[in-house]
Amino acid sequence: MSEDKRMDPMTGEKVEVTGTYETEWGREEQLKRGDRFPVDLALGETEWKMVSYELDDAQKGETQKGVFGTAKGEKAGEK
């Protein structure tokens, strides 16, 4: 039986992956790569757990205007 020896990041450490993170008490916050994990107002220093990755426009099903002719919600020929 293998044990997971990874530790969740702590307050003050650098964010390695952009996404949504939550504290031990479930408070969620959007953080970008290079940010520092903030102090939680209720807990002080805490562990942060990633709950979802940031999605880019293509993963959300949206396209950039002009790339494929029309942007989401526009009909061909509209400006």
N, C-alpha and C. Protein backbone atom coordinates (compact mmCIF):
# COMPACT_ATOMS: atom_id res chain seq x y z
N MET A 1 0.85 -1.17 0.00
CA MET A 1 0.00 0.00 0.00
C MET A 1 0.89 1.23 0.00
N SER A 2 0.72 2.13 -0.96
CA SER A 2 1.56 3.33 -1.02
C SER A 2 0.91 4.47 -0.26
N GLU A 3 1.76 5.29 0.34
CA GLU A 3 1.27 6.45 1.06
C GLU A 3 1.58 7.70 0.25
N ASP A 4 0.66 8.63 0.23
CA ASP A 4 0.87 9.89 -0.46
C ASP A 4 1.67 10.80 0.46
N LYS A 5 2.90 11.12 0.08
CA LYS A 5 3.77 11.93 0.93
C LYS A 5 3.81 13.39 0.49
N ARG A 6 2.99 13.75 -0.50
CA ARG A 6 2.94 15.14 -0.92
C ARG A 6 2.25 15.98 0.14
N MET A 7 2.73 17.20 0.30
CA MET A 7 2.10 18.12 1.24
C MET A 7 1.45 19.25 0.44
N ASP A 8 0.30 19.69 0.89
CA ASP A 8 -0.33 20.83 0.26
C ASP A 8 0.49 22.08 0.55
N PRO A 9 0.45 23.06 -0.37
CA PRO A 9 1.21 24.29 -0.14
C PRO A 9 0.69 25.06 1.07
N MET A 10 1.58 25.83 1.68
CA MET A 10 1.25 26.60 2.88
C MET A 10 1.26 28.10 2.56
N THR A 11 0.62 28.87 3.41
CA THR A 11 0.64 30.32 3.32
C THR A 11 2.08 30.79 3.14
N GLY A 12 2.28 31.73 2.20
CA GLY A 12 3.60 32.30 1.96
C GLY A 12 4.38 31.62 0.86
N GLU A 13 4.01 30.39 0.49
CA GLU A 13 4.71 29.69 -0.59
C GLU A 13 4.22 30.20 -1.94
N LYS A 14 5.06 30.03 -2.98
CA LYS A 14 4.69 30.47 -4.33
C LYS A 14 3.69 29.51 -4.96
N VAL A 15 2.73 30.09 -5.68
CA VAL A 15 1.76 29.31 -6.46
C VAL A 15 2.46 28.80 -7.71
N GLU A 16 2.41 27.51 -7.96
CA GLU A 16 3.06 26.92 -9.12
C GLU A 16 2.12 26.78 -10.32
N VAL A 17 0.81 26.63 -10.05
CA VAL A 17 -0.17 26.41 -11.12
C VAL A 17 -1.36 27.34 -10.90
N THR A 18 -1.73 28.11 -11.93
CA THR A 18 -2.88 29.00 -11.85
C THR A 18 -4.15 28.19 -11.70
N GLY A 19 -5.01 28.62 -10.77
CA GLY A 19 -6.27 27.92 -10.56
C GLY A 19 -6.99 28.39 -9.33
N THR A 20 -7.99 27.63 -8.92
CA THR A 20 -8.76 27.92 -7.72
C THR A 20 -8.26 27.03 -6.60
N TYR A 21 -7.98 27.65 -5.46
CA TYR A 21 -7.48 26.93 -4.29
C TYR A 21 -8.42 27.17 -3.12
N GLU A 22 -8.44 26.24 -2.16
CA GLU A 22 -9.26 26.45 -0.98
C GLU A 22 -8.47 26.14 0.28
N THR A 23 -8.87 26.80 1.38
CA THR A 23 -8.24 26.59 2.67
C THR A 23 -8.84 25.37 3.35
N GLU A 24 -8.31 25.07 4.51
CA GLU A 24 -8.82 23.94 5.29
C GLU A 24 -10.29 24.13 5.65
N TRP A 25 -10.74 25.37 5.73
CA TRP A 25 -12.14 25.66 6.08
C TRP A 25 -13.01 25.87 4.85
N GLY A 26 -12.45 25.69 3.65
CA GLY A 26 -13.26 25.75 2.43
C GLY A 26 -13.37 27.11 1.76
N ARG A 27 -12.61 28.13 2.23
CA ARG A 27 -12.64 29.43 1.55
C ARG A 27 -11.84 29.31 0.26
N GLU A 28 -12.48 29.66 -0.87
CA GLU A 28 -11.84 29.53 -2.17
C GLU A 28 -11.28 30.87 -2.64
N GLU A 29 -10.17 30.79 -3.39
CA GLU A 29 -9.56 31.99 -3.94
C GLU A 29 -8.87 31.64 -5.25
N GLN A 30 -9.02 32.54 -6.25
CA GLN A 30 -8.34 32.40 -7.54
C GLN A 30 -6.92 32.90 -7.37
N LEU A 31 -5.94 32.08 -7.71
CA LEU A 31 -4.54 32.47 -7.60
C LEU A 31 -3.84 32.17 -8.91
N LYS A 32 -2.89 33.04 -9.26
CA LYS A 32 -2.13 32.88 -10.50
C LYS A 32 -0.71 32.41 -10.18
N ARG A 33 -0.12 31.72 -11.15
CA ARG A 33 1.26 31.25 -11.00
C ARG A 33 2.16 32.43 -10.65
N GLY A 34 3.00 32.25 -9.64
CA GLY A 34 3.91 33.30 -9.21
C GLY A 34 3.41 34.08 -8.01
N ASP A 35 2.07 34.04 -7.76
CA ASP A 35 1.52 34.68 -6.56
C ASP A 35 2.03 33.92 -5.33
N ARG A 36 1.79 34.50 -4.18
CA ARG A 36 2.07 33.82 -2.91
C ARG A 36 0.74 33.43 -2.28
N PHE A 37 0.68 32.25 -1.67
CA PHE A 37 -0.54 31.84 -0.98
C PHE A 37 -0.76 32.80 0.18
N PRO A 38 -1.96 33.42 0.24
CA PRO A 38 -2.22 34.44 1.26
C PRO A 38 -2.54 33.85 2.63
N VAL A 39 -2.46 34.73 3.62
CA VAL A 39 -2.87 34.37 4.98
C VAL A 39 -4.39 34.36 5.01
N ASP A 40 -4.98 33.35 5.63
CA ASP A 40 -6.42 33.30 5.79
C ASP A 40 -6.80 34.16 6.99
N LEU A 41 -7.82 35.00 6.83
CA LEU A 41 -8.21 35.93 7.89
C LEU A 41 -8.67 35.22 9.17
N ALA A 42 -9.27 34.05 9.04
CA ALA A 42 -9.76 33.32 10.21
C ALA A 42 -8.71 32.36 10.76
N LEU A 43 -7.95 31.72 9.88
CA LEU A 43 -7.02 30.67 10.30
C LEU A 43 -5.58 31.15 10.49
N GLY A 44 -5.23 32.28 9.87
CA GLY A 44 -3.82 32.68 9.85
C GLY A 44 -3.10 31.85 8.80
N GLU A 45 -1.96 31.26 9.17
CA GLU A 45 -1.26 30.38 8.23
C GLU A 45 -2.07 29.11 8.06
N THR A 46 -2.18 28.67 6.81
CA THR A 46 -3.00 27.49 6.52
C THR A 46 -2.48 26.75 5.31
N GLU A 47 -2.95 25.54 5.12
CA GLU A 47 -2.66 24.78 3.90
C GLU A 47 -3.68 25.16 2.85
N TRP A 48 -3.25 25.13 1.59
CA TRP A 48 -4.12 25.42 0.45
C TRP A 48 -4.17 24.19 -0.44
N LYS A 49 -5.36 23.86 -0.91
CA LYS A 49 -5.54 22.70 -1.79
C LYS A 49 -6.16 23.17 -3.10
N MET A 50 -5.59 22.72 -4.23
CA MET A 50 -6.15 23.09 -5.53
C MET A 50 -7.46 22.36 -5.75
N VAL A 51 -8.49 23.13 -6.16
CA VAL A 51 -9.79 22.51 -6.42
C VAL A 51 -10.13 22.52 -7.91
N SER A 52 -9.52 23.44 -8.69
CA SER A 52 -9.74 23.42 -10.14
C SER A 52 -8.67 24.23 -10.85
N TYR A 53 -8.38 23.81 -12.07
CA TYR A 53 -7.45 24.54 -12.92
C TYR A 53 -8.16 25.71 -13.58
N GLU A 54 -7.38 26.74 -13.97
CA GLU A 54 -7.96 27.83 -14.74
C GLU A 54 -8.15 27.33 -16.17
N LEU A 55 -9.31 27.62 -16.74
CA LEU A 55 -9.58 27.22 -18.12
C LEU A 55 -9.34 28.40 -19.05
N ASP A 56 -8.70 28.13 -20.19
CA ASP A 56 -8.57 29.21 -21.16
C ASP A 56 -9.83 29.25 -22.03
N ASP A 57 -9.95 30.26 -22.90
CA ASP A 57 -11.16 30.44 -23.70
C ASP A 57 -11.51 29.21 -24.54
N ALA A 58 -10.51 28.55 -25.09
CA ALA A 58 -10.79 27.38 -25.93
C ALA A 58 -11.40 26.25 -25.11
N GLN A 59 -10.93 26.09 -23.87
CA GLN A 59 -11.48 25.04 -23.02
C GLN A 59 -12.88 25.36 -22.53
N LYS A 60 -13.24 26.67 -22.52
CA LYS A 60 -14.58 27.08 -22.12
C LYS A 60 -15.55 27.00 -23.28
N GLY A 61 -15.05 26.70 -24.49
CA GLY A 61 -15.90 26.62 -25.66
C GLY A 61 -16.07 27.96 -26.35
N GLU A 62 -15.25 28.94 -25.99
CA GLU A 62 -15.33 30.25 -26.62
C GLU A 62 -14.19 30.41 -27.62
N THR A 63 -14.40 31.25 -28.60
CA THR A 63 -13.33 31.54 -29.56
C THR A 63 -13.04 33.03 -29.54
N GLN A 64 -11.86 33.38 -29.96
CA GLN A 64 -11.49 34.78 -30.05
C GLN A 64 -12.06 35.36 -31.32
N LYS A 65 -12.56 36.59 -31.24
CA LYS A 65 -13.14 37.25 -32.41
C LYS A 65 -12.09 37.33 -33.51
N GLY A 66 -12.48 36.93 -34.68
CA GLY A 66 -11.60 37.00 -35.83
C GLY A 66 -10.82 35.72 -36.09
N VAL A 67 -10.65 34.89 -35.10
CA VAL A 67 -9.88 33.67 -35.29
C VAL A 67 -10.65 32.67 -36.14
N PHE A 68 -11.93 32.51 -35.84
CA PHE A 68 -12.76 31.57 -36.58
C PHE A 68 -13.93 32.26 -37.26
N GLY A 69 -13.79 33.54 -37.53
CA GLY A 69 -14.83 34.28 -38.25
C GLY A 69 -15.77 35.04 -37.35
N THR A 70 -16.28 34.44 -36.29
CA THR A 70 -17.21 35.12 -35.40
C THR A 70 -16.87 34.81 -33.95
N ALA A 71 -17.24 35.72 -33.09
CA ALA A 71 -17.08 35.48 -31.65
C ALA A 71 -18.36 34.84 -31.13
N LYS A 72 -18.29 34.29 -29.96
CA LYS A 72 -19.45 33.62 -29.36
C LYS A 72 -20.62 34.59 -29.29
N GLY A 73 -21.78 34.18 -29.73
CA GLY A 73 -22.97 34.99 -29.67
C GLY A 73 -23.20 35.88 -30.88
N GLU A 74 -22.24 35.92 -31.81
CA GLU A 74 -22.42 36.74 -33.03
C GLU A 74 -22.81 35.84 -34.19
N LYS A 75 -23.55 36.42 -35.10
CA LYS A 75 -23.89 35.71 -36.33
C LYS A 75 -22.95 36.19 -37.43
N ALA A 76 -22.72 35.36 -38.38
CA ALA A 76 -21.86 35.74 -39.51
C ALA A 76 -22.41 37.00 -40.16
N GLY A 77 -21.53 37.94 -40.46
CA GLY A 77 -21.93 39.18 -41.11
C GLY A 77 -22.19 40.31 -40.15
N GLU A 78 -22.36 40.03 -38.82
CA GLU A 78 -22.55 41.08 -37.84
C GLU A 78 -21.21 41.66 -37.40
N LYS A 79 -21.23 42.90 -36.97
CA LYS A 79 -20.00 43.52 -36.46
C LYS A 79 -20.16 43.92 -35.04
